[in-house]
Amino acid sequence: MKYREYLISARRHNKACKVLQERIDLYDGQGINDESFKFLVLNLYYLSGYIVECSLKFKIYELFGYSINVDVNDPNECKKVGIDYRKDIRNHNLERLQELLDSKISGFTHKSTNISVDQLLVRWSPDVRYESIELKYSEIQDLYKHINSFMRKM
């Protein structure tokens, strides 16, 4: 896998999220306690986190000057640019990825000034898909709007 594929994945997840949001909006306030509605909202949250993760990984590789023609886990290229693939990249921790990005550039953050959105970002992990958590659709909408704004920086 080449690092540009992270951005391609983020864009694909974004398209899926758009479809999820359109489907959720068909509920129009009716059936919001329905399990299908909750499932769609949870998946919108889950995929939104992956948009951020893939975007951060793409930007890290780009800013570190990683070759576009080399696999993301190539030991020689990683060493050359100062990335430890196993430690730095092969994780799903948005905070750790942001810290690595901050080491190269300031002011390029996935975080939000909206407290509820920022809390959703802090709580996100791939494991949310296995949890039965109550999410407010309005907060997930705000998260998704924030992520779309973040994606425009790519």
Protein backbone atom coordinates (compact mmCIF):
# COMPACT_ATOMS: atom_id res chain seq x y z
CA MET A 1 0.00 0.00 0.00
CA LYS A 2 1.25 3.47 -0.92
CA TYR A 3 0.55 6.38 1.40
CA ARG A 4 -1.75 8.18 -1.05
CA GLU A 5 -4.17 5.28 -0.61
CA TYR A 6 -4.92 6.61 2.89
CA LEU A 7 -6.46 9.71 1.32
CA ILE A 8 -8.35 7.59 -1.20
CA SER A 9 -9.73 5.51 1.69
CA ALA A 10 -10.73 8.65 3.60
CA ARG A 11 -12.64 9.89 0.57
CA ARG A 12 -14.37 6.51 0.13
CA HIS A 13 -15.39 6.49 3.80
CA ASN A 14 -16.68 10.03 3.34
CA LYS A 15 -18.89 8.92 0.44
CA ALA A 16 -20.25 6.07 2.57
CA CYS A 17 -20.94 8.53 5.39
CA LYS A 18 -22.85 10.79 3.03
CA VAL A 19 -25.09 7.87 2.06
CA LEU A 20 -25.55 6.93 5.73
CA GLN A 21 -26.49 10.49 6.60
CA GLU A 22 -29.00 10.65 3.74
CA ARG A 23 -30.55 7.38 4.94
CA ILE A 24 -30.69 8.59 8.54
CA ASP A 25 -32.34 11.83 7.48
CA LEU A 26 -35.18 9.83 5.92
CA TYR A 27 -36.29 8.99 9.47
CA ASP A 28 -37.23 12.67 9.86
CA GLY A 29 -37.61 12.42 13.63
CA GLN A 30 -39.75 9.29 13.46
CA GLY A 31 -38.40 5.97 14.69
CA ILE A 32 -35.25 7.44 16.22
CA ASN A 33 -35.44 4.82 18.96
CA ASP A 34 -35.52 2.10 16.34
CA GLU A 35 -32.50 -0.24 16.32
CA SER A 36 -31.92 0.39 12.61
CA PHE A 37 -31.67 4.13 13.22
CA LYS A 38 -29.21 3.61 16.08
CA PHE A 39 -27.17 1.22 13.92
CA LEU A 40 -26.91 3.79 11.13
CA VAL A 41 -25.85 6.55 13.55
CA LEU A 42 -23.25 4.28 15.14
CA ASN A 43 -21.83 3.44 11.71
CA LEU A 44 -21.72 7.09 10.74
CA TYR A 45 -19.66 7.70 13.88
CA TYR A 46 -17.44 4.67 13.25
CA LEU A 47 -16.66 5.60 9.63
CA SER A 48 -16.19 9.27 10.49
CA GLY A 49 -13.38 8.28 12.83
CA TYR A 50 -11.73 6.33 10.05
CA ILE A 51 -11.90 9.40 7.82
CA VAL A 52 -9.87 11.28 10.41
CA GLU A 53 -7.45 8.40 10.95
CA CYS A 54 -6.75 7.90 7.25
CA SER A 55 -6.44 11.65 6.68
CA LEU A 56 -3.95 12.04 9.51
CA LYS A 57 -1.87 9.13 8.25
CA PHE A 58 -1.82 10.55 4.73
CA LYS A 59 -0.75 13.98 5.97
CA ILE A 60 1.99 12.50 8.19
CA TYR A 61 3.55 10.66 5.27
CA GLU A 62 3.22 13.70 3.04
CA LEU A 63 4.83 16.10 5.53
CA PHE A 64 7.61 13.68 6.44
CA GLY A 65 8.55 13.56 2.76
CA TYR A 66 7.82 9.87 2.29
CA SER A 67 8.24 8.58 -1.25
CA ILE A 68 4.92 8.15 -3.08
CA ASN A 69 6.23 5.03 -4.81
CA VAL A 70 7.21 3.04 -1.73
CA ASP A 71 4.98 0.91 0.51
CA VAL A 72 3.97 2.58 3.77
CA ASN A 73 5.79 0.02 5.89
CA ASP A 74 9.07 -0.05 3.93
CA PRO A 75 11.78 -0.18 6.65
CA ASN A 76 14.38 1.76 4.65
CA GLU A 77 12.04 4.61 3.69
CA CYS A 78 10.58 4.75 7.20
CA LYS A 79 14.06 5.02 8.69
CA LYS A 80 15.06 7.64 6.11
CA VAL A 81 12.19 9.97 7.04
CA GLY A 82 12.02 9.13 10.74
CA ILE A 83 8.79 7.16 10.94
CA ASP A 84 8.48 4.00 13.02
CA TYR A 85 5.64 2.27 11.19
CA ARG A 86 4.78 -0.16 13.99
CA LYS A 87 4.87 2.47 16.72
CA ASP A 88 3.74 5.60 14.90
CA ILE A 89 1.37 4.51 12.14
CA ARG A 90 0.06 1.02 12.81
CA ASN A 91 -2.38 2.18 15.46
CA HIS A 92 -5.84 3.67 15.59
CA ASN A 93 -5.09 6.30 18.22
CA LEU A 94 -6.04 9.70 16.82
CA GLU A 95 -4.22 11.53 19.61
CA ARG A 96 -0.93 9.75 18.92
CA LEU A 97 -1.27 10.40 15.21
CA GLN A 98 -2.00 14.07 15.89
CA GLU A 99 1.09 14.33 18.12
CA LEU A 100 3.26 12.93 15.34
CA LEU A 101 1.74 15.36 12.87
CA ASP A 102 2.26 18.23 15.33
CA SER A 103 5.96 17.38 15.41
CA LYS A 104 6.15 18.52 11.75
CA ILE A 105 3.52 21.26 11.51
CA SER A 106 1.42 23.22 13.95
CA GLY A 107 -2.13 24.35 13.41
CA PHE A 108 -3.18 21.33 11.37
CA THR A 109 -5.47 19.57 13.77
CA HIS A 110 -8.39 17.21 13.59
CA LYS A 111 -9.67 18.52 16.93
CA SER A 112 -12.72 20.70 17.29
CA THR A 113 -13.62 23.74 19.36
CA ASN A 114 -17.07 22.16 19.82
CA ILE A 115 -16.75 20.27 23.11
CA SER A 116 -19.16 17.45 22.22
CA VAL A 117 -17.45 16.91 18.84
CA ASP A 118 -14.04 16.91 20.46
CA GLN A 119 -15.22 14.37 23.06
CA LEU A 120 -16.50 12.11 20.28
CA LEU A 121 -13.10 12.31 18.60
CA VAL A 122 -11.30 11.50 21.84
CA ARG A 123 -13.58 8.50 22.52
CA TRP A 124 -13.36 7.13 18.97
CA SER A 125 -11.69 3.79 18.34
CA PRO A 126 -12.43 0.96 15.91
CA ASP A 127 -13.99 -0.92 18.80
CA VAL A 128 -17.02 1.42 18.83
CA ARG A 129 -18.58 -0.81 16.21
CA TYR A 130 -18.85 -3.56 18.85
CA GLU A 131 -20.22 -1.36 21.60
CA SER A 132 -23.82 -0.51 22.26
CA ILE A 133 -23.45 3.16 23.05
CA GLU A 134 -26.13 5.78 22.94
CA LEU A 135 -25.23 8.52 20.49
CA LYS A 136 -27.13 11.69 19.77
CA TYR A 137 -27.58 12.04 16.05
CA SER A 138 -27.30 15.83 16.30
CA GLU A 139 -23.82 15.43 17.80
CA ILE A 140 -22.80 12.92 15.14
CA GLN A 141 -24.06 15.37 12.51
CA ASP A 142 -21.85 18.06 14.05
CA LEU A 143 -18.92 15.61 14.07
CA TYR A 144 -19.46 14.77 10.42
CA LYS A 145 -19.66 18.47 9.47
CA HIS A 146 -16.40 19.06 11.34
CA ILE A 147 -14.73 16.14 9.58
CA ASN A 148 -15.83 17.44 6.18
CA SER A 149 -14.27 20.77 7.05
CA PHE A 150 -11.09 18.96 8.11
CA MET A 151 -11.04 16.97 4.86
CA ARG A 152 -11.03 20.18 2.80
CA LYS A 153 -7.53 20.83 4.16
CA MET A 154 -6.18 17.71 2.48
